[in-house]
Amino acid sequence: MTTRKQVHLAAHFPGVNNTTVWSDPRSGSQIDFSSFVHLAKTAERGKFDFFFLAEGLRLRELKGRIHDLDVVGRPESLTVLSALAAVTERLGLAGTVSATFNEPYELARRLATLDHLSEGRAAWNVVTTSDAFTGENFRRGGFLDYSERYERAAEFVRLARELWDSWAPDAVVADAGSGRFLRDRAIGDVVHHGKHFDVEGRFTLPRSPQGHPVIIQAGDSPDGREFAAATADVVFTGHGTLEDGKRFSADVKGRMAKYGREPHQLKIMPGVTYALGDTDEEAAENAAAIRRQQVSPQTAIAFLEQVWGRDMSAYDPEGPLPDVEPDLSEGVSRGRVPIKDRAAVAAKWRALAAEKKLTIRELVIEVTGRQTFIGTPETVARKIDEHVQAGAADGFILVPHLTPGGLDDFVDKVVPLLQERGVFRTDYTGATLREHLELA
């Protein structure tokens, strides 16, 4: 009898993208701790692997003004996760922290601290920061080119692991009778002299409950895929369709052997959205309504300006694409990941709009605002299972469009069906995030 693969699920607290519909009457605060608690406890009730926080290091700007169509004012990730450690018991706690504008010794301490406070549930989503605009908030500025950012990130992770490993597992004796707290030579010296970092000394914290916090990586470029194959425990990707997921998974896992790693040591978990209904037709109607909320008239023009590099505020979002050609200079949007070859993207958008007779807003909805899984709870559970069994993913990171209750229906209606299929846990069997993810 063939053993069916187990589905892994995580919950993304929405906000750092236009998926979030903050203007919906059902949407709550993006800052109040109660919102984080609600979503985290919902995920834990659903027996999810982990709770995931994205983060930005500078507010985005559009034409020199704060781009507030996305949520702004998000509290710092590791602080929030440390607080959540006190109100959750088994749920993993994953935070996004840039390897470009942090230092290994200090960040290794913060992550090890979270792992201790949570008793082995910490994870680090390693990202690189791409632009000088963000770098203006930091002493070094945006001084690294693309390839060097991944080079720095790889050295950063290696050094962090060296620091985490520098305490022997049995270093702490704490024998009150003899007055002996540490074993002899139980803490190793860390001496690292690399291209990006110089560290000499001893780490301040004992080995944490899971040894190393789980390493998550998000990135689809060749450098990002190579970094994931060499370093990551989990990949957070945007490949949500079956065929794209199978190609991505085969490519990244196919790179692992040269680093002495096996495919099962890396979990691929695309970020996905969903829309449910009592029938598949009702779910499709709900998905269309959500898309229109996610791409308001203002958001549609903002996306157009990001591609065209011009002030497009004079154009009607419910009208046709403009005849004007893109301005290929710096553009009017700052703080977003830059769009490569904006001329080619604009040409593709023109062709699609002409083919389907789409307005500006309809076009932006078509190219950006879509739900990955749409249908009845039975349909969604079946599709999720099919993706995992086909090798397109090991699981999914769910990105609800509402805060904090956007995950409630999924946990109440879809999770029980995955459990009935025998592909998702009915209770936690381990205490650490590595155990949830079936990682060494």
Protein backbone atom coordinates (compact mmCIF):
# COMPACT_ATOMS: atom_id res chain seq x y z
CA MET A 1 0.00 0.00 0.00
CA THR A 2 1.39 3.38 -1.02
CA THR A 3 1.77 5.86 1.83
CA ARG A 4 0.15 9.17 1.02
CA LYS A 5 2.26 12.28 1.51
CA GLN A 6 1.28 14.49 4.42
CA VAL A 7 0.20 18.06 3.69
CA HIS A 8 2.02 20.86 5.52
CA LEU A 9 0.13 24.11 6.20
CA ALA A 10 1.18 27.53 7.49
CA ALA A 11 -0.67 30.79 8.06
CA HIS A 12 0.57 34.13 6.72
CA PHE A 13 -0.57 37.22 8.62
CA PRO A 14 -1.67 39.45 5.72
CA GLY A 15 -0.66 43.03 5.15
CA VAL A 16 2.50 43.52 3.08
CA ASN A 17 0.80 43.25 -0.32
CA ASN A 18 -2.44 44.16 -2.03
CA THR A 19 -3.94 40.77 -1.14
CA THR A 20 -5.05 42.36 2.12
CA VAL A 21 -8.44 44.07 2.02
CA TRP A 22 -8.04 46.40 4.99
CA SER A 23 -11.09 48.47 3.96
CA ASP A 24 -13.53 45.56 4.38
CA PRO A 25 -15.90 46.14 7.36
CA ARG A 26 -14.90 42.71 8.71
CA SER A 27 -11.21 43.64 8.76
CA GLY A 28 -9.63 44.44 12.11
CA SER A 29 -6.45 46.14 13.27
CA GLN A 30 -3.10 45.32 11.71
CA ILE A 31 -1.31 46.53 14.85
CA ASP A 32 -3.32 45.41 17.91
CA PHE A 33 -1.83 42.32 19.49
CA SER A 34 -5.30 40.78 19.64
CA SER A 35 -5.28 40.46 15.83
CA PHE A 36 -2.04 38.46 15.86
CA VAL A 37 -3.37 36.31 18.70
CA HIS A 38 -6.62 35.53 16.86
CA LEU A 39 -4.92 34.39 13.65
CA ALA A 40 -2.20 32.45 15.49
CA LYS A 41 -4.70 30.64 17.72
CA THR A 42 -6.86 29.84 14.69
CA ALA A 43 -3.82 28.33 12.96
CA GLU A 44 -2.94 26.33 16.07
CA ARG A 45 -6.53 25.11 16.38
CA GLY A 46 -6.14 23.92 12.79
CA LYS A 47 -2.88 22.10 13.71
CA PHE A 48 -0.87 24.21 11.25
CA ASP A 49 2.92 23.89 11.15
CA PHE A 50 3.67 27.57 11.63
CA PHE A 51 2.51 31.20 11.69
CA PHE A 52 4.39 33.46 9.27
CA LEU A 53 5.09 37.20 9.38
CA ALA A 54 6.37 39.21 6.43
CA GLU A 55 8.11 42.52 6.98
CA GLY A 56 9.26 45.62 5.13
CA LEU A 57 12.13 47.89 6.18
CA ARG A 58 10.81 51.08 4.59
CA LEU A 59 7.36 52.36 3.73
CA ARG A 60 6.67 52.21 0.02
CA GLU A 61 6.24 55.44 -1.87
CA LEU A 62 4.30 56.34 -4.98
CA LYS A 63 5.09 59.68 -6.59
CA GLY A 64 6.83 60.73 -3.36
CA ARG A 65 3.84 59.95 -1.13
CA ILE A 66 3.34 57.00 1.24
CA HIS A 67 1.74 54.17 -0.72
CA ASP A 68 -1.00 53.35 1.78
CA LEU A 69 -2.99 51.02 -0.47
CA ASP A 70 -0.92 48.32 1.22
CA VAL A 71 -1.04 48.14 5.01
CA VAL A 72 1.51 50.35 6.75
CA GLY A 73 2.61 50.47 10.39
CA ARG A 74 3.36 46.77 10.91
CA PRO A 75 5.14 46.04 14.25
CA GLU A 76 8.57 44.38 14.14
CA SER A 77 8.29 40.64 13.49
CA LEU A 78 10.48 39.00 16.14
CA THR A 79 8.93 41.14 18.90
CA VAL A 80 5.44 40.04 17.88
CA LEU A 81 6.50 36.39 17.63
CA SER A 82 8.13 36.47 21.07
CA ALA A 83 4.84 37.70 22.52
CA LEU A 84 2.91 35.00 20.63
CA ALA A 85 5.19 32.35 22.13
CA ALA A 86 3.46 33.00 25.45
CA VAL A 87 -0.08 32.46 24.14
CA THR A 88 0.52 29.45 21.85
CA GLU A 89 1.85 25.98 22.67
CA ARG A 90 2.80 24.05 19.51
CA LEU A 91 2.51 26.45 16.56
CA GLY A 92 5.77 27.35 14.83
CA LEU A 93 6.67 31.06 14.76
CA ALA A 94 8.37 32.33 11.59
CA GLY A 95 9.66 35.86 11.06
CA THR A 96 11.07 37.61 8.00
CA VAL A 97 14.40 39.32 8.70
CA SER A 98 16.74 40.77 6.08
CA ALA A 99 20.25 39.33 5.79
CA THR A 100 21.31 42.53 4.01
CA PHE A 101 20.76 45.04 6.82
CA ASN A 102 21.38 42.95 9.96
CA GLU A 103 24.47 41.43 11.60
CA PRO A 104 24.88 37.67 12.24
CA TYR A 105 25.90 37.74 15.90
CA GLU A 106 23.00 39.91 17.03
CA LEU A 107 20.36 38.24 14.85
CA ALA A 108 21.55 34.75 15.84
CA ARG A 109 21.01 35.79 19.50
CA ARG A 110 17.50 37.10 18.79
CA LEU A 111 16.48 33.96 16.89
CA ALA A 112 17.98 31.64 19.49
CA THR A 113 16.13 33.62 22.16
CA LEU A 114 12.83 33.10 20.32
CA ASP A 115 13.61 29.40 20.02
CA HIS A 116 14.22 29.18 23.78
CA LEU A 117 11.12 31.20 24.69
CA SER A 118 8.92 29.09 22.40
CA GLU A 119 10.58 25.77 23.37
CA GLY A 120 11.75 25.02 19.85
CA ARG A 121 9.27 26.69 17.50
CA ALA A 122 11.33 29.47 15.86
CA ALA A 123 11.94 29.98 12.14
CA TRP A 124 13.77 32.64 10.14
CA ASN A 125 12.61 33.64 6.67
CA VAL A 126 15.91 34.79 5.15
CA VAL A 127 15.46 37.60 2.64
CA THR A 128 17.83 39.92 0.85
CA THR A 129 17.00 43.60 0.40
CA SER A 130 17.27 44.82 -3.14
CA ASP A 131 17.25 48.59 -3.34
CA ALA A 132 19.18 51.67 -2.28
CA PHE A 133 15.87 53.34 -1.38
CA THR A 134 15.47 50.92 1.54
CA GLY A 135 19.19 51.13 2.25
CA GLU A 136 18.92 54.84 2.94
CA ASN A 137 17.59 53.87 6.39
CA PHE A 138 20.86 52.07 7.18
CA ARG A 139 24.49 53.09 7.55
CA ARG A 140 25.72 51.01 4.64
CA GLY A 141 22.97 52.06 2.27
CA GLY A 142 22.12 50.05 -0.83
CA PHE A 143 25.69 49.12 -1.62
CA LEU A 144 25.36 45.44 -2.61
CA ASP A 145 24.62 44.34 -6.15
CA TYR A 146 22.31 41.41 -6.79
CA SER A 147 24.80 38.52 -6.70
CA GLU A 148 26.58 39.87 -3.62
CA ARG A 149 23.33 40.01 -1.65
CA TYR A 150 22.95 36.22 -1.92
CA GLU A 151 26.65 35.75 -1.26
CA ARG A 152 26.28 37.79 1.94
CA ALA A 153 23.12 35.88 2.90
CA ALA A 154 24.85 32.51 2.47
CA GLU A 155 27.79 33.60 4.63
CA PHE A 156 25.33 35.07 7.15
CA VAL A 157 23.47 31.76 7.56
CA ARG A 158 26.68 29.73 7.78
CA LEU A 159 27.97 32.02 10.52
CA ALA A 160 24.66 31.96 12.41
CA ARG A 161 24.72 28.16 12.38
CA GLU A 162 28.32 28.18 13.61
CA LEU A 163 27.25 30.41 16.51
CA TRP A 164 24.26 28.17 17.35
CA ASP A 165 26.52 25.11 17.26
CA SER A 166 29.24 26.60 19.47
CA TRP A 167 27.65 25.41 22.73
CA ALA A 168 27.80 21.66 23.40
CA PRO A 169 24.34 20.10 23.91
CA ASP A 170 25.23 19.25 27.52
CA ALA A 171 27.11 22.48 28.27
CA VAL A 172 24.95 23.54 31.22
CA VAL A 173 25.47 21.48 34.39
CA ALA A 174 23.96 23.85 36.99
CA ASP A 175 25.14 21.71 39.90
CA ALA A 176 24.38 23.71 43.05
CA GLY A 177 26.30 21.27 45.24
CA SER A 178 29.62 21.73 43.47
CA GLY A 179 28.94 25.29 42.40
CA ARG A 180 29.62 24.29 38.83
CA PHE A 181 27.39 25.84 36.17
CA LEU A 182 29.15 24.91 32.90
CA ARG A 183 31.13 21.90 31.77
CA ASP A 184 34.78 22.52 30.93
CA ARG A 185 35.40 23.53 27.33
CA ALA A 186 31.67 23.30 26.61
CA ILE A 187 31.57 26.62 24.76
CA GLY A 188 33.66 26.86 21.62
CA ASP A 189 35.36 29.96 20.32
CA VAL A 190 33.83 31.29 17.11
CA VAL A 191 36.50 32.70 14.83
CA HIS A 192 35.16 33.77 11.45
CA HIS A 193 36.91 35.98 8.92
CA GLY A 194 34.96 36.10 5.67
CA LYS A 195 34.31 38.51 2.86
CA HIS A 196 31.34 40.12 4.62
CA PHE A 197 31.78 39.36 8.33
CA ASP A 198 34.46 39.21 11.01
CA VAL A 199 33.50 37.63 14.31
CA GLU A 200 35.70 36.47 17.19
CA GLY A 201 34.31 35.43 20.56
CA ARG A 202 31.86 33.18 22.29
CA PHE A 203 28.12 33.01 21.77
CA THR A 204 26.01 34.05 24.74
CA LEU A 205 23.20 31.46 24.59
CA PRO A 206 23.08 27.67 25.06
CA ARG A 207 21.95 25.47 22.21
CA SER A 208 18.25 26.05 21.66
CA PRO A 209 15.61 23.29 21.83
CA GLN A 210 15.67 22.44 18.12
CA GLY A 211 19.40 23.14 17.68
CA HIS A 212 18.90 25.49 14.77
CA PRO A 213 15.80 27.59 14.08
CA VAL A 214 14.16 26.48 10.84
CA ILE A 215 15.49 28.40 7.80
CA ILE A 216 12.89 29.59 5.28
CA GLN A 217 13.86 31.20 1.98
CA ALA A 218 11.78 33.13 -0.52
CA GLY A 219 13.13 33.72 -4.02
CA ASP A 220 12.64 32.47 -7.55
CA SER A 221 15.80 33.67 -9.34
CA PRO A 222 18.60 31.21 -10.22
CA ASP A 223 20.63 32.57 -7.27
CA GLY A 224 17.60 32.22 -4.99
CA ARG A 225 16.98 28.63 -6.09
CA GLU A 226 20.63 27.74 -5.54
CA PHE A 227 20.56 29.34 -2.09
CA ALA A 228 17.45 27.33 -1.21
CA ALA A 229 18.96 24.05 -2.40
CA ALA A 230 22.11 24.63 -0.36
CA THR A 231 20.70 26.21 2.78
CA ALA A 232 16.93 26.28 3.32
CA ASP A 233 14.59 23.98 5.22
CA VAL A 234 11.47 25.54 3.64
CA VAL A 235 10.96 27.50 0.41
CA PHE A 236 8.21 30.12 0.29
CA THR A 237 7.38 30.46 -3.41
CA GLY A 238 4.70 31.93 -5.64
CA HIS A 239 4.28 28.84 -7.84
CA GLY A 240 0.69 27.95 -6.99
CA THR A 241 -0.42 26.12 -10.16
CA LEU A 242 0.10 22.39 -10.53
CA GLU A 243 2.43 22.42 -13.53
CA ASP A 244 4.46 25.46 -12.40
CA GLY A 245 4.81 23.90 -8.96
CA LYS A 246 6.04 20.58 -10.37
CA ARG A 247 8.66 22.33 -12.51
CA PHE A 248 9.85 24.53 -9.64
CA SER A 249 9.98 21.66 -7.16
CA ALA A 250 11.89 19.39 -9.55
CA ASP A 251 14.37 22.17 -10.34
CA VAL A 252 15.13 23.20 -6.75
CA LYS A 253 15.20 19.69 -5.28
CA GLY A 254 17.28 18.54 -8.24
CA ARG A 255 20.01 20.97 -7.14
CA MET A 256 20.29 19.56 -3.61
CA ALA A 257 22.48 16.50 -4.23
CA LYS A 258 25.60 18.54 -4.95
CA TYR A 259 25.27 20.00 -1.44
CA GLY A 260 24.96 16.54 0.14
CA ARG A 261 21.25 16.96 0.81
CA GLU A 262 18.22 14.76 0.13
CA PRO A 263 14.94 16.09 -1.37
CA HIS A 264 12.98 15.33 1.80
CA GLN A 265 15.18 17.80 3.71
CA LEU A 266 13.49 20.73 1.92
CA LYS A 267 9.77 21.56 2.09
CA ILE A 268 8.35 23.63 -0.76
CA MET A 269 5.35 25.67 0.40
CA PRO A 270 3.87 28.19 -2.06
CA GLY A 271 1.96 31.18 -0.74
CA VAL A 272 -1.67 30.77 -1.81
CA THR A 273 -5.08 32.35 -1.37
CA TYR A 274 -8.50 30.72 -1.44
CA ALA A 275 -12.22 31.42 -1.85
CA LEU A 276 -14.92 29.08 -0.57
CA GLY A 277 -18.62 28.68 -1.34
CA ASP A 278 -21.46 26.21 -0.86
CA THR A 279 -21.10 25.41 -4.57
CA ASP A 280 -18.18 25.85 -6.93
CA GLU A 281 -20.20 28.52 -8.76
CA GLU A 282 -20.78 30.47 -5.55
CA ALA A 283 -17.07 30.18 -4.72
CA ALA A 284 -16.20 31.63 -8.14
CA GLU A 285 -18.55 34.57 -7.47
CA ASN A 286 -16.94 35.08 -4.06
CA ALA A 287 -13.47 34.99 -5.65
CA ALA A 288 -14.47 37.61 -8.22
CA ALA A 289 -15.82 39.88 -5.47
CA ILE A 290 -12.61 39.48 -3.44
CA ARG A 291 -10.51 40.32 -6.50
CA ARG A 292 -12.39 43.54 -7.01
CA GLN A 293 -11.81 44.43 -3.36
CA GLN A 294 -8.11 43.64 -3.66
CA VAL A 295 -7.74 45.75 -6.80
CA SER A 296 -9.58 48.98 -6.06
CA PRO A 297 -9.54 51.77 -8.69
CA GLN A 298 -6.63 53.43 -6.84
CA THR A 299 -4.69 50.15 -6.66
CA ALA A 300 -5.24 49.53 -10.38
CA ILE A 301 -3.73 52.92 -11.26
CA ALA A 302 -0.85 52.30 -8.82
CA PHE A 303 0.02 49.03 -10.55
CA LEU A 304 -0.20 50.72 -13.94
CA GLU A 305 2.16 53.45 -12.76
CA GLN A 306 4.62 50.86 -11.48
CA VAL A 307 4.88 49.36 -14.98
CA TRP A 308 4.56 52.54 -17.03
CA GLY A 309 6.83 54.61 -14.77
CA ARG A 310 4.56 57.64 -15.17
CA ASP A 311 1.91 59.55 -13.29
CA MET A 312 -1.29 57.92 -14.61
CA SER A 313 -3.75 59.54 -12.21
CA ALA A 314 -5.54 61.32 -15.07
CA TYR A 315 -6.65 58.01 -16.59
CA ASP A 316 -9.96 56.29 -15.79
CA PRO A 317 -9.33 52.89 -14.17
CA GLU A 318 -12.57 51.68 -15.73
CA GLY A 319 -11.34 52.80 -19.15
CA PRO A 320 -8.83 51.41 -21.69
CA LEU A 321 -5.05 51.30 -21.36
CA PRO A 322 -3.34 54.57 -22.30
CA ASP A 323 -1.69 55.06 -25.69
CA VAL A 324 1.41 56.60 -24.07
CA GLU A 325 4.56 54.47 -23.98
CA PRO A 326 6.26 53.54 -20.68
CA ASP A 327 8.94 55.82 -19.24
CA LEU A 328 11.83 53.41 -18.72
CA SER A 329 13.78 55.68 -16.36
CA GLU A 330 13.61 55.22 -12.57
CA GLY A 331 9.83 55.45 -12.44
CA VAL A 332 7.42 56.72 -9.81
CA SER A 333 7.19 53.74 -7.43
CA ARG A 334 9.82 53.19 -4.72
CA GLY A 335 10.17 50.39 -2.18
CA ARG A 336 8.66 47.58 -4.23
CA VAL A 337 10.77 44.89 -5.86
CA PRO A 338 11.52 46.47 -9.26
CA ILE A 339 9.86 45.03 -12.35
CA LYS A 340 12.43 43.71 -14.79
CA ASP A 341 12.02 44.80 -18.43
CA ARG A 342 9.02 47.04 -17.94
CA ALA A 343 8.73 47.56 -21.70
CA ALA A 344 8.14 43.83 -22.23
CA VAL A 345 5.62 43.72 -19.36
CA ALA A 346 3.74 46.70 -20.83
CA ALA A 347 3.64 45.03 -24.26
CA LYS A 348 2.30 41.83 -22.71
CA TRP A 349 -0.36 43.79 -20.81
CA ARG A 350 -1.41 45.61 -24.02
CA ALA A 351 -1.80 42.32 -25.88
CA LEU A 352 -3.86 40.76 -23.09
CA ALA A 353 -6.09 43.84 -22.73
CA ALA A 354 -6.72 43.88 -26.49
CA GLU A 355 -7.43 40.15 -26.67
CA LYS A 356 -9.94 40.16 -23.80
CA LYS A 357 -11.16 43.75 -24.18
CA LEU A 358 -10.18 44.62 -20.61
CA THR A 359 -10.26 47.96 -18.83
CA ILE A 360 -7.26 49.05 -16.75
CA ARG A 361 -8.81 47.69 -13.57
CA GLU A 362 -9.96 44.45 -15.20
CA LEU A 363 -6.46 43.96 -16.59
CA VAL A 364 -4.78 44.46 -13.22
CA ILE A 365 -7.28 42.05 -11.65
CA GLU A 366 -6.41 39.54 -14.38
CA VAL A 367 -2.64 39.73 -13.88
CA THR A 368 -2.38 40.21 -10.10
CA GLY A 369 -5.50 39.49 -8.04
CA ARG A 370 -6.35 35.83 -8.18
CA GLN A 371 -7.23 33.10 -5.69
CA THR A 372 -5.26 29.87 -6.03
CA PHE A 373 -7.89 27.51 -4.67
CA ILE A 374 -11.55 28.24 -5.48
CA GLY A 375 -14.49 25.97 -4.76
CA THR A 376 -16.46 24.18 -2.11
CA PRO A 377 -14.47 22.98 0.91
CA GLU A 378 -14.48 19.51 -0.71
CA THR A 379 -13.07 20.92 -3.97
CA VAL A 380 -10.36 22.91 -2.21
CA ALA A 381 -9.31 19.97 -0.01
CA ARG A 382 -9.11 17.73 -3.07
CA LYS A 383 -7.01 20.23 -5.05
CA ILE A 384 -4.59 20.79 -2.16
CA ASP A 385 -4.16 17.03 -1.78
CA GLU A 386 -3.65 16.60 -5.53
CA HIS A 387 -0.88 19.22 -5.60
CA VAL A 388 1.01 17.53 -2.77
CA GLN A 389 0.60 13.97 -4.05
CA ALA A 390 1.75 15.09 -7.53
CA GLY A 391 4.95 16.63 -6.13
CA ALA A 392 4.00 20.21 -7.00
CA ALA A 393 4.41 21.23 -3.33
CA ASP A 394 4.89 19.79 0.13
CA GLY A 395 2.18 22.08 1.46
CA PHE A 396 1.01 25.68 1.36
CA ILE A 397 1.30 28.98 3.22
CA LEU A 398 -2.23 30.40 3.29
CA VAL A 399 -2.55 34.16 2.80
CA PRO A 400 -6.07 35.23 3.83
CA HIS A 401 -7.44 38.52 2.55
CA LEU A 402 -8.96 39.57 5.89
CA THR A 403 -7.38 40.25 9.28
CA PRO A 404 -7.76 38.62 11.72
CA GLY A 405 -10.63 36.26 10.82
CA GLY A 406 -9.69 35.36 7.26
CA LEU A 407 -8.48 31.87 8.19
CA ASP A 408 -11.52 30.84 10.23
CA ASP A 409 -13.55 29.24 7.42
CA PHE A 410 -10.56 27.30 6.10
CA VAL A 411 -9.80 25.80 9.51
CA ASP A 412 -13.45 25.01 10.21
CA LYS A 413 -14.38 23.62 6.79
CA VAL A 414 -11.30 22.48 4.81
CA VAL A 415 -8.95 21.13 7.48
CA PRO A 416 -11.43 18.44 8.66
CA LEU A 417 -11.71 17.17 5.08
CA LEU A 418 -7.92 16.94 4.72
CA GLN A 419 -7.90 15.00 8.00
CA GLU A 420 -10.60 12.65 6.67
CA ARG A 421 -8.39 12.01 3.64
CA GLY A 422 -5.60 10.96 6.00
CA VAL A 423 -3.18 13.58 4.67
CA PHE A 424 -3.19 16.07 7.56
CA ARG A 425 -2.60 15.59 11.27
CA THR A 426 -5.50 15.48 13.71
CA ASP A 427 -3.16 16.56 16.49
CA TYR A 428 0.44 17.57 16.94
CA THR A 429 2.74 14.60 17.48
CA GLY A 430 5.89 16.64 18.25
CA ALA A 431 6.80 19.72 20.21
CA THR A 432 9.19 21.56 17.86
CA LEU A 433 8.69 23.09 14.45
CA ARG A 434 11.31 20.74 12.99
CA GLU A 435 9.18 17.83 14.18
CA HIS A 436 6.05 19.34 12.59
CA LEU A 437 7.91 19.70 9.28
CA GLU A 438 9.51 16.23 9.51
CA LEU A 439 13.00 17.75 9.45
CA ALA A 440 16.09 16.48 11.24
